[in-house]
N, C-alpha and C. Protein backbone atom coordinates (compact mmCIF):
# COMPACT_ATOMS: atom_id res chain seq x y z
N UNK A 1 49.10 25.18 4.83
CA UNK A 1 49.12 25.33 5.99
C UNK A 1 49.34 26.58 6.54
N UNK A 2 47.72 26.77 7.66
CA UNK A 2 47.74 28.05 7.89
C UNK A 2 47.67 28.13 9.74
N UNK A 3 48.78 28.27 10.49
CA UNK A 3 48.22 28.04 11.83
C UNK A 3 48.64 29.43 12.38
N UNK A 4 48.01 29.98 13.45
CA UNK A 4 47.82 30.85 14.03
C UNK A 4 48.80 30.69 15.13
N UNK A 5 49.67 32.12 15.08
CA UNK A 5 51.27 32.00 16.07
C UNK A 5 50.93 31.72 17.53
N UNK A 6 49.70 32.23 17.80
CA UNK A 6 49.58 31.91 19.06
C UNK A 6 49.11 30.73 19.60
N UNK A 7 48.57 29.99 18.74
CA UNK A 7 47.88 28.40 19.29
C UNK A 7 49.41 27.50 18.86
N UNK A 8 50.05 27.60 19.86
CA UNK A 8 51.34 26.87 20.37
C UNK A 8 51.24 25.25 20.33
N UNK A 9 49.90 24.70 20.74
CA UNK A 9 50.19 23.32 20.20
C UNK A 9 50.06 22.88 18.84
N UNK A 10 49.26 23.69 17.99
CA UNK A 10 48.99 23.51 16.68
C UNK A 10 50.23 23.54 15.97
N UNK A 11 51.28 24.40 16.20
CA UNK A 11 52.27 25.08 15.90
C UNK A 11 53.47 23.96 16.26
N UNK A 12 53.30 23.77 17.49
CA UNK A 12 54.54 22.61 17.66
C UNK A 12 54.10 21.16 17.31
N UNK A 13 53.12 20.64 17.01
CA UNK A 13 52.54 18.93 16.18
C UNK A 13 52.89 19.50 14.99
N UNK A 14 52.58 20.91 14.16
CA UNK A 14 53.31 20.87 12.89
C UNK A 14 54.85 20.75 12.56
N UNK A 15 55.39 21.62 13.61
CA UNK A 15 56.97 21.54 13.71
C UNK A 15 57.57 19.92 13.61
N UNK A 16 56.65 19.07 15.10
CA UNK A 16 57.18 17.81 15.16
C UNK A 16 56.90 16.64 14.40
N UNK A 17 56.06 17.21 13.09
CA UNK A 17 55.95 16.43 12.26
C UNK A 17 56.91 16.69 10.93
N UNK A 18 57.35 17.58 11.03
CA UNK A 18 58.19 18.22 9.75
C UNK A 18 60.05 17.69 10.36
N UNK A 19 60.00 17.78 11.68
CA UNK A 19 61.26 17.86 12.42
C UNK A 19 61.87 16.07 12.83
N UNK A 20 60.54 15.14 12.18
CA UNK A 20 60.75 14.06 13.05
C UNK A 20 61.67 13.50 12.59
N UNK A 21 62.68 12.69 13.22
CA UNK A 21 63.70 11.90 13.91
C UNK A 21 65.27 13.13 13.25
N UNK A 22 64.38 14.23 13.82
CA UNK A 22 65.76 15.35 13.28
C UNK A 22 66.39 15.72 14.93
N UNK A 23 67.35 15.53 15.03
CA UNK A 23 68.12 15.93 16.67
C UNK A 23 69.11 17.48 16.71
N UNK A 24 69.22 17.87 15.48
CA UNK A 24 69.86 18.99 15.85
C UNK A 24 69.55 20.06 14.86
N UNK A 25 69.22 21.41 14.99
CA UNK A 25 69.07 22.13 14.20
C UNK A 25 67.44 22.46 13.81
N UNK A 26 67.24 22.78 14.92
CA UNK A 26 65.59 22.51 14.97
C UNK A 26 64.77 23.45 15.73
N UNK A 27 63.56 24.16 15.50
CA UNK A 27 62.87 24.64 16.35
C UNK A 27 61.80 24.58 17.41
N UNK A 28 61.16 25.33 17.90
CA UNK A 28 59.91 24.95 19.11
C UNK A 28 59.49 26.27 18.81
N UNK A 29 57.78 25.91 18.74
CA UNK A 29 56.68 26.94 19.24
C UNK A 29 57.31 27.95 19.55
N UNK A 30 57.51 28.16 21.10
CA UNK A 30 58.19 29.37 21.31
C UNK A 30 59.24 30.30 20.57
N UNK A 31 60.36 29.58 19.65
CA UNK A 31 60.56 30.67 18.49
C UNK A 31 59.52 31.04 17.83
N UNK A 32 59.09 30.64 17.30
CA UNK A 32 58.23 31.19 16.05
C UNK A 32 57.52 32.12 16.86
N UNK A 33 56.94 31.75 18.00
CA UNK A 33 56.25 33.20 18.46
C UNK A 33 56.74 34.44 18.60
N UNK A 34 58.16 33.84 19.38
CA UNK A 34 59.09 34.76 19.54
C UNK A 34 59.66 36.05 18.18
N UNK A 35 60.25 35.47 17.27
CA UNK A 35 60.24 36.02 16.20
C UNK A 35 59.04 36.67 16.14
N UNK A 36 57.70 36.57 15.48
CA UNK A 36 56.43 37.03 15.57
C UNK A 36 56.72 38.50 16.51
N UNK A 37 56.84 38.44 17.58
CA UNK A 37 56.53 39.34 18.40
C UNK A 37 57.80 40.55 18.23
N UNK A 38 58.79 39.86 18.04
CA UNK A 38 60.19 40.79 17.94
C UNK A 38 59.84 41.44 16.01
N UNK A 39 59.60 40.67 15.68
CA UNK A 39 59.11 41.37 14.29
C UNK A 39 57.96 42.62 14.33
N UNK A 40 56.97 42.69 15.02
CA UNK A 40 55.94 43.31 15.41
C UNK A 40 56.19 44.18 16.52
N UNK A 41 57.37 44.52 17.15
CA UNK A 41 58.06 45.35 17.55
C UNK A 41 59.12 46.62 16.83
N UNK A 42 59.23 45.51 15.57
CA UNK A 42 60.49 46.29 14.90
C UNK A 42 59.32 47.00 14.08
N UNK A 43 58.36 46.69 13.47
CA UNK A 43 57.25 47.44 12.48
C UNK A 43 57.12 48.73 13.26
N UNK A 44 56.11 48.29 14.30
CA UNK A 44 55.59 49.56 15.36
C UNK A 44 57.01 50.30 15.47
N UNK A 45 58.40 49.97 15.65
CA UNK A 45 59.45 51.31 16.48
C UNK A 45 59.60 51.73 15.13
N UNK A 46 59.61 51.30 14.09
CA UNK A 46 59.89 52.08 12.82
C UNK A 46 59.12 53.25 12.70
N UNK A 47 57.44 52.63 13.04
CA UNK A 47 56.56 53.87 12.16
C UNK A 47 55.65 52.79 11.37
N UNK A 48 55.57 51.81 11.25
CA UNK A 48 54.66 51.65 10.12
C UNK A 48 53.26 51.43 11.04
N UNK A 49 52.28 51.91 10.59
CA UNK A 49 50.66 51.57 11.39
C UNK A 49 50.19 49.86 11.27
N UNK A 50 49.84 49.87 11.97
CA UNK A 50 49.30 47.88 11.87
C UNK A 50 48.37 47.76 10.74
N UNK A 51 47.69 49.08 10.32
CA UNK A 51 47.16 48.92 9.36
C UNK A 51 47.32 48.24 8.00
N UNK A 52 48.77 48.84 7.89
CA UNK A 52 49.86 48.45 6.92
C UNK A 52 50.60 47.38 6.92
N UNK A 53 50.35 46.04 7.76
CA UNK A 53 50.92 45.17 8.32
C UNK A 53 50.54 44.12 7.30
N UNK A 54 49.45 44.04 6.64
CA UNK A 54 48.67 42.99 5.52
C UNK A 54 49.81 42.64 4.71
N UNK A 55 50.25 41.38 4.76
CA UNK A 55 51.36 40.84 3.52
C UNK A 55 52.51 40.88 3.90
N UNK A 56 53.06 41.44 5.31
CA UNK A 56 54.51 41.23 5.79
C UNK A 56 54.54 39.75 6.05
N UNK A 57 55.83 39.30 5.09
CA UNK A 57 56.28 37.89 5.43
C UNK A 57 57.90 37.83 6.26
N UNK A 58 57.61 36.79 7.26
CA UNK A 58 59.09 37.01 8.32
C UNK A 58 59.46 35.07 7.99
N UNK A 59 60.44 35.44 7.52
CA UNK A 59 61.45 34.19 7.34
C UNK A 59 61.81 33.88 9.02
N UNK A 60 61.88 32.64 9.60
CA UNK A 60 62.58 31.93 10.75
C UNK A 60 63.47 30.96 10.16
N UNK A 61 64.81 31.57 10.22
CA UNK A 61 65.98 30.63 10.06
C UNK A 61 67.20 31.10 10.96
N UNK A 62 67.15 30.38 12.19
CA UNK A 62 68.69 30.95 12.93
C UNK A 62 69.62 30.11 12.77
N UNK A 63 70.05 28.75 11.98
CA UNK A 63 71.22 27.90 12.47
C UNK A 63 71.80 28.37 11.23
N UNK A 64 73.17 28.75 11.77
CA UNK A 64 73.94 28.76 10.53
C UNK A 64 75.42 27.50 10.59
N UNK A 65 76.06 27.32 9.62
CA UNK A 65 77.23 26.18 10.03
C UNK A 65 78.50 27.28 9.05
N UNK A 66 79.58 27.06 9.96
CA UNK A 66 80.79 27.14 9.38
C UNK A 66 81.41 26.90 8.04
N UNK A 67 82.24 27.59 7.35
CA UNK A 67 82.43 27.08 5.83
C UNK A 67 82.78 25.98 5.84
N UNK A 68 83.86 25.58 7.16
CA UNK A 68 85.01 24.51 6.90
C UNK A 68 83.86 23.31 7.28
N UNK A 69 82.81 23.49 7.44
CA UNK A 69 82.38 22.49 8.00
C UNK A 69 82.09 21.28 6.71
N UNK A 70 81.93 20.06 6.67
CA UNK A 70 82.28 19.54 5.24
C UNK A 70 80.98 18.59 4.82
N UNK A 71 79.89 18.27 6.59
CA UNK A 71 78.71 17.88 6.08
C UNK A 71 77.72 18.37 5.42
N UNK A 72 76.76 18.01 4.92
CA UNK A 72 75.47 18.47 5.01
C UNK A 72 74.48 18.96 6.01
N UNK A 73 74.19 19.55 5.84
CA UNK A 73 73.67 20.14 7.89
C UNK A 73 72.61 20.74 6.90
N UNK A 74 70.91 20.35 7.96
CA UNK A 74 69.98 21.18 7.37
C UNK A 74 69.29 21.53 8.74
N UNK A 75 68.38 22.37 8.57
CA UNK A 75 67.90 23.53 9.43
C UNK A 75 66.65 23.56 9.29
N UNK A 76 65.54 24.11 10.19
CA UNK A 76 64.07 23.98 10.24
C UNK A 76 63.89 25.69 9.97
N UNK A 77 63.16 26.02 8.60
CA UNK A 77 62.81 27.21 8.57
C UNK A 77 61.33 27.41 8.66
N UNK A 78 60.92 28.46 9.14
CA UNK A 78 59.55 28.79 9.05
C UNK A 78 59.31 29.98 8.60
N UNK A 79 58.21 30.50 7.81
CA UNK A 79 57.43 31.26 6.86
C UNK A 79 56.61 31.74 8.13
N UNK A 80 56.07 33.34 8.37
CA UNK A 80 55.03 33.57 9.41
C UNK A 80 54.35 35.30 8.41
N UNK A 81 53.12 35.02 8.33
CA UNK A 81 52.58 36.01 7.29
C UNK A 81 51.75 36.58 8.14
N UNK A 82 51.85 38.26 7.91
CA UNK A 82 50.99 38.77 8.60
C UNK A 82 50.06 39.25 7.66
N UNK A 83 48.28 38.68 8.64
CA UNK A 83 47.30 39.18 7.61
C UNK A 83 46.21 40.25 7.93
N UNK A 84 46.54 40.74 8.99
CA UNK A 84 45.97 42.21 9.47
C UNK A 84 46.52 42.28 10.72
N UNK A 85 46.62 43.44 11.23
CA UNK A 85 47.37 44.19 12.59
C UNK A 85 48.02 42.82 13.19
N UNK A 86 47.60 42.61 14.36
CA UNK A 86 48.59 41.85 14.73
C UNK A 86 48.11 39.92 14.89
N UNK A 87 47.50 39.47 13.61
CA UNK A 87 47.26 38.15 13.47
C UNK A 87 48.42 37.86 12.33
N UNK A 88 49.20 36.84 13.12
CA UNK A 88 50.52 36.23 12.11
C UNK A 88 50.10 34.97 12.39
N UNK A 89 50.15 34.37 11.29
CA UNK A 89 50.31 32.88 10.81
C UNK A 89 51.58 32.18 10.40
N UNK A 90 52.17 31.03 10.72
CA UNK A 90 52.69 30.06 10.49
C UNK A 90 52.23 29.44 8.87
N UNK A 91 52.91 30.04 8.08
CA UNK A 91 52.06 29.33 6.63
C UNK A 91 53.24 28.39 6.00
N UNK A 92 54.36 28.10 6.96
CA UNK A 92 55.26 27.10 5.78
C UNK A 92 56.00 26.68 7.09
N UNK A 93 56.35 25.42 6.85
CA UNK A 93 58.00 24.90 7.31
C UNK A 93 58.27 24.17 6.86
N UNK A 94 60.02 24.11 6.39
CA UNK A 94 60.51 23.11 5.60
C UNK A 94 61.97 22.76 6.25
N UNK A 95 62.67 21.86 6.23
CA UNK A 95 63.84 21.47 6.36
C UNK A 95 64.80 21.85 5.47
N UNK A 96 65.89 22.46 5.25
CA UNK A 96 66.76 23.05 4.13
C UNK A 96 68.04 23.10 4.44
N UNK A 97 69.06 23.20 3.59
CA UNK A 97 70.36 22.84 4.02
C UNK A 97 70.54 24.41 4.32
N UNK A 98 71.58 24.13 6.18
CA UNK A 98 72.02 25.53 6.41
C UNK A 98 72.89 27.12 5.35
N UNK A 99 72.71 27.53 5.51
CA UNK A 99 73.88 28.38 4.98
C UNK A 99 75.37 28.68 5.94
N UNK A 100 76.32 28.59 4.76
CA UNK A 100 77.49 28.66 5.49
C UNK A 100 78.09 30.22 5.57
N UNK A 101 78.69 30.20 6.76
CA UNK A 101 78.99 31.55 7.03
C UNK A 101 80.55 31.60 7.43
N UNK A 102 81.10 32.70 7.62
CA UNK A 102 82.61 32.62 8.03
C UNK A 102 82.50 32.53 9.88
N UNK A 103 83.34 31.56 10.43
CA UNK A 103 83.50 31.45 11.60
C UNK A 103 81.64 31.15 12.27
N UNK A 104 80.80 30.15 11.55
CA UNK A 104 79.54 30.53 11.82
C UNK A 104 79.33 29.84 13.32
N UNK A 105 77.82 30.11 13.47
CA UNK A 105 77.45 29.39 15.12
C UNK A 105 76.28 28.54 14.69
N UNK A 106 76.51 27.99 16.14
CA UNK A 106 75.13 27.12 16.02
C UNK A 106 73.74 28.26 15.80
N UNK A 107 73.46 29.25 16.37
CA UNK A 107 72.65 29.74 16.27
C UNK A 107 72.78 31.21 16.22
N UNK A 108 72.22 32.25 15.59
CA UNK A 108 72.78 33.89 15.35
C UNK A 108 71.63 34.40 16.25
N UNK A 109 72.41 35.98 16.37
CA UNK A 109 71.78 36.75 17.47
C UNK A 109 70.12 36.30 16.79
N UNK A 110 69.73 37.34 15.82
CA UNK A 110 68.55 37.72 15.55
C UNK A 110 68.18 36.33 14.74
N UNK A 111 67.00 35.67 15.03
CA UNK A 111 66.79 34.47 14.56
C UNK A 111 65.85 34.48 13.12
N UNK A 112 65.45 35.91 12.73
CA UNK A 112 64.74 36.23 12.08
C UNK A 112 65.15 37.40 11.05
N UNK A 113 64.23 37.17 9.87
CA UNK A 113 64.50 38.40 8.84
C UNK A 113 63.07 38.60 8.14
N UNK A 114 62.64 40.23 7.84
CA UNK A 114 61.81 40.23 7.46
C UNK A 114 61.82 40.44 5.81
N UNK A 115 61.24 38.95 4.75
CA UNK A 115 61.74 38.88 3.86
C UNK A 115 60.79 39.79 2.68
N UNK A 116 59.42 39.74 2.35
CA UNK A 116 58.77 40.35 1.85
C UNK A 116 58.07 41.58 2.53
N UNK A 117 57.56 42.76 1.54
CA UNK A 117 56.64 43.75 2.61
C UNK A 117 55.52 44.18 1.24
N UNK A 118 54.65 44.28 1.81
CA UNK A 118 53.36 44.87 0.48
C UNK A 118 53.76 45.91 -0.32
N UNK A 119 54.88 46.25 -0.29
CA UNK A 119 55.14 47.43 -1.08
C UNK A 119 55.62 48.89 0.01
N UNK A 120 56.44 48.43 0.66
CA UNK A 120 57.06 49.02 1.93
C UNK A 120 56.97 50.78 1.63
N UNK A 121 57.53 51.01 0.56
CA UNK A 121 57.92 51.98 0.51
C UNK A 121 56.64 53.01 0.04
N UNK A 122 55.68 52.44 -0.65
CA UNK A 122 53.78 53.58 -0.67
C UNK A 122 53.56 53.29 0.55
N UNK A 123 53.55 52.06 1.33
CA UNK A 123 52.91 52.39 3.14
C UNK A 123 53.28 53.43 3.64
N UNK A 124 54.42 53.35 3.68
CA UNK A 124 55.10 54.82 4.52
C UNK A 124 54.77 55.79 4.31
N UNK A 125 54.87 55.92 2.77
CA UNK A 125 54.68 57.37 1.95
C UNK A 125 53.63 57.67 1.85
N UNK A 126 52.15 56.39 2.39
CA UNK A 126 50.96 57.21 2.55
C UNK A 126 50.23 57.44 3.97
N UNK A 127 51.55 57.16 4.77
CA UNK A 127 51.44 57.19 5.99
C UNK A 127 51.45 58.29 6.52
N UNK A 128 52.27 59.21 5.35
CA UNK A 128 53.05 60.84 5.71
C UNK A 128 52.26 61.38 4.61
N UNK A 129 50.99 61.05 3.64
CA UNK A 129 50.08 61.68 3.02
C UNK A 129 50.60 62.12 1.98
N UNK A 130 52.06 61.35 1.68
CA UNK A 130 52.67 61.91 0.43
C UNK A 130 52.52 60.37 -0.73
N UNK A 131 52.13 60.81 -1.68
CA UNK A 131 52.11 60.56 -2.96
C UNK A 131 53.23 59.41 -3.57
N UNK A 132 53.41 58.38 -3.83
CA UNK A 132 54.81 57.80 -4.96
C UNK A 132 54.24 58.11 -6.44
N UNK A 133 55.46 58.89 -7.07
CA UNK A 133 54.63 59.07 -8.35
C UNK A 133 55.77 58.36 -9.49
N UNK A 134 56.92 57.85 -9.04
CA UNK A 134 57.65 57.47 -9.62
C UNK A 134 57.36 56.23 -10.50
N UNK A 135 56.37 55.30 -9.82
CA UNK A 135 56.08 53.89 -10.88
C UNK A 135 54.96 54.59 -11.90
N UNK A 136 54.38 55.94 -12.14
CA UNK A 136 53.30 56.08 -13.05
C UNK A 136 53.61 56.36 -14.37
N UNK A 137 52.35 55.98 -15.09
CA UNK A 137 52.66 56.24 -16.63
C UNK A 137 53.36 57.74 -16.68
N UNK A 138 54.00 58.33 -18.19
CA UNK A 138 54.79 59.26 -18.34
C UNK A 138 53.15 60.22 -18.38
N UNK A 139 52.30 59.70 -18.66
CA UNK A 139 51.25 61.10 -19.23
C UNK A 139 50.40 61.48 -17.49
N UNK A 140 50.69 60.48 -16.82
CA UNK A 140 50.47 61.21 -15.55
C UNK A 140 51.42 61.92 -14.75
N UNK A 141 52.56 61.62 -15.10
CA UNK A 141 54.05 62.61 -14.39
C UNK A 141 53.78 63.66 -15.27
N UNK A 142 53.24 63.99 -16.79
CA UNK A 142 53.15 65.48 -17.36
C UNK A 142 52.11 66.33 -16.18
N UNK A 143 50.83 65.47 -16.16
CA UNK A 143 49.83 66.02 -15.92
C UNK A 143 50.12 66.55 -14.01
N UNK A 144 50.95 65.81 -13.47
CA UNK A 144 51.34 66.26 -12.06
C UNK A 144 51.96 67.53 -12.16
N UNK A 145 53.16 67.52 -13.31
CA UNK A 145 54.41 68.45 -13.62
C UNK A 145 53.33 69.46 -13.80
N UNK A 146 52.36 69.73 -14.79
CA UNK A 146 51.70 70.91 -14.99
C UNK A 146 51.02 71.83 -13.74
N UNK A 147 50.57 70.37 -13.13
CA UNK A 147 49.61 71.00 -12.06
C UNK A 147 50.56 71.45 -11.14
N UNK A 148 51.46 70.99 -10.89
CA UNK A 148 52.54 72.09 -9.80
C UNK A 148 53.13 73.21 -10.60
N UNK A 149 52.90 72.88 -11.76
CA UNK A 149 53.79 74.28 -12.05
C UNK A 149 52.52 75.48 -11.99
N UNK A 150 51.16 75.04 -12.28
CA UNK A 150 50.17 76.11 -12.16
C UNK A 150 50.13 76.30 -10.63
N UNK A 151 50.69 75.50 -9.38
CA UNK A 151 50.58 76.26 -8.07
C UNK A 151 51.80 77.11 -7.75
N UNK A 152 52.31 76.93 -8.50
CA UNK A 152 53.96 77.22 -8.05
C UNK A 152 53.80 78.69 -8.77
N UNK A 153 52.90 78.68 -9.67
CA UNK A 153 52.81 80.49 -10.22
C UNK A 153 52.00 81.41 -9.47
N UNK A 154 50.59 80.34 -8.86
CA UNK A 154 49.45 81.10 -7.94
C UNK A 154 50.86 81.10 -6.63
N UNK A 155 51.33 80.44 -5.81
CA UNK A 155 52.48 81.18 -4.80
C UNK A 155 53.26 82.57 -5.26
N UNK A 156 54.12 82.26 -6.44
CA UNK A 156 54.70 83.30 -6.74
C UNK A 156 53.76 84.85 -7.23
N UNK A 157 52.35 84.73 -7.36
CA UNK A 157 51.82 85.46 -7.71
C UNK A 157 51.28 86.19 -6.16
N UNK A 158 51.41 85.33 -5.35
CA UNK A 158 50.88 86.10 -3.59
C UNK A 158 52.18 86.49 -3.36
N UNK A 159 53.14 86.26 -3.45
CA UNK A 159 54.54 86.59 -2.62
C UNK A 159 54.66 88.14 -3.72
N UNK A 160 54.46 87.70 -4.89
CA UNK A 160 54.71 89.51 -5.29
C UNK A 160 54.09 90.70 -5.29
N UNK A 161 52.97 90.48 -4.50
CA UNK A 161 51.94 91.15 -4.18
C UNK A 161 53.01 92.28 -2.82
N UNK A 162 52.73 93.47 -2.95
CA UNK A 162 53.34 94.51 -2.03
C UNK A 162 52.51 94.41 -0.86
């Protein structure tokens, strides 16, 4: 399944199909759109450029029940994936058991979480023109160390001149 987040009618039809006969802990299309907009605002706020958003996955799962709740409680969970820039698509819908929390509530304040990032650290470093070398092979690290040692030697020569 791949439905564009802005297509409210298709999203609602898909949600209605999955939530047939469900009366509580359900989602509607507006909540899915709101979660995508809030995630977009968060990514912008922390400084990740839109060209690096490809592959971000957002999980919309707002409902929790208290630990003392004795019955099986299910809620609707939606996955939203960013394909590029501001193109968000709903990629999965399912009913699943609600997580238990101390003093649980019917809905939590934030109804989404970013659960999968396409190598976020590398993306952030690339945005600031920094190369991550920690995951390189040892030979590449040795070559990088030699290059830096040579550059430091050049700088020392310049600084030592009267």
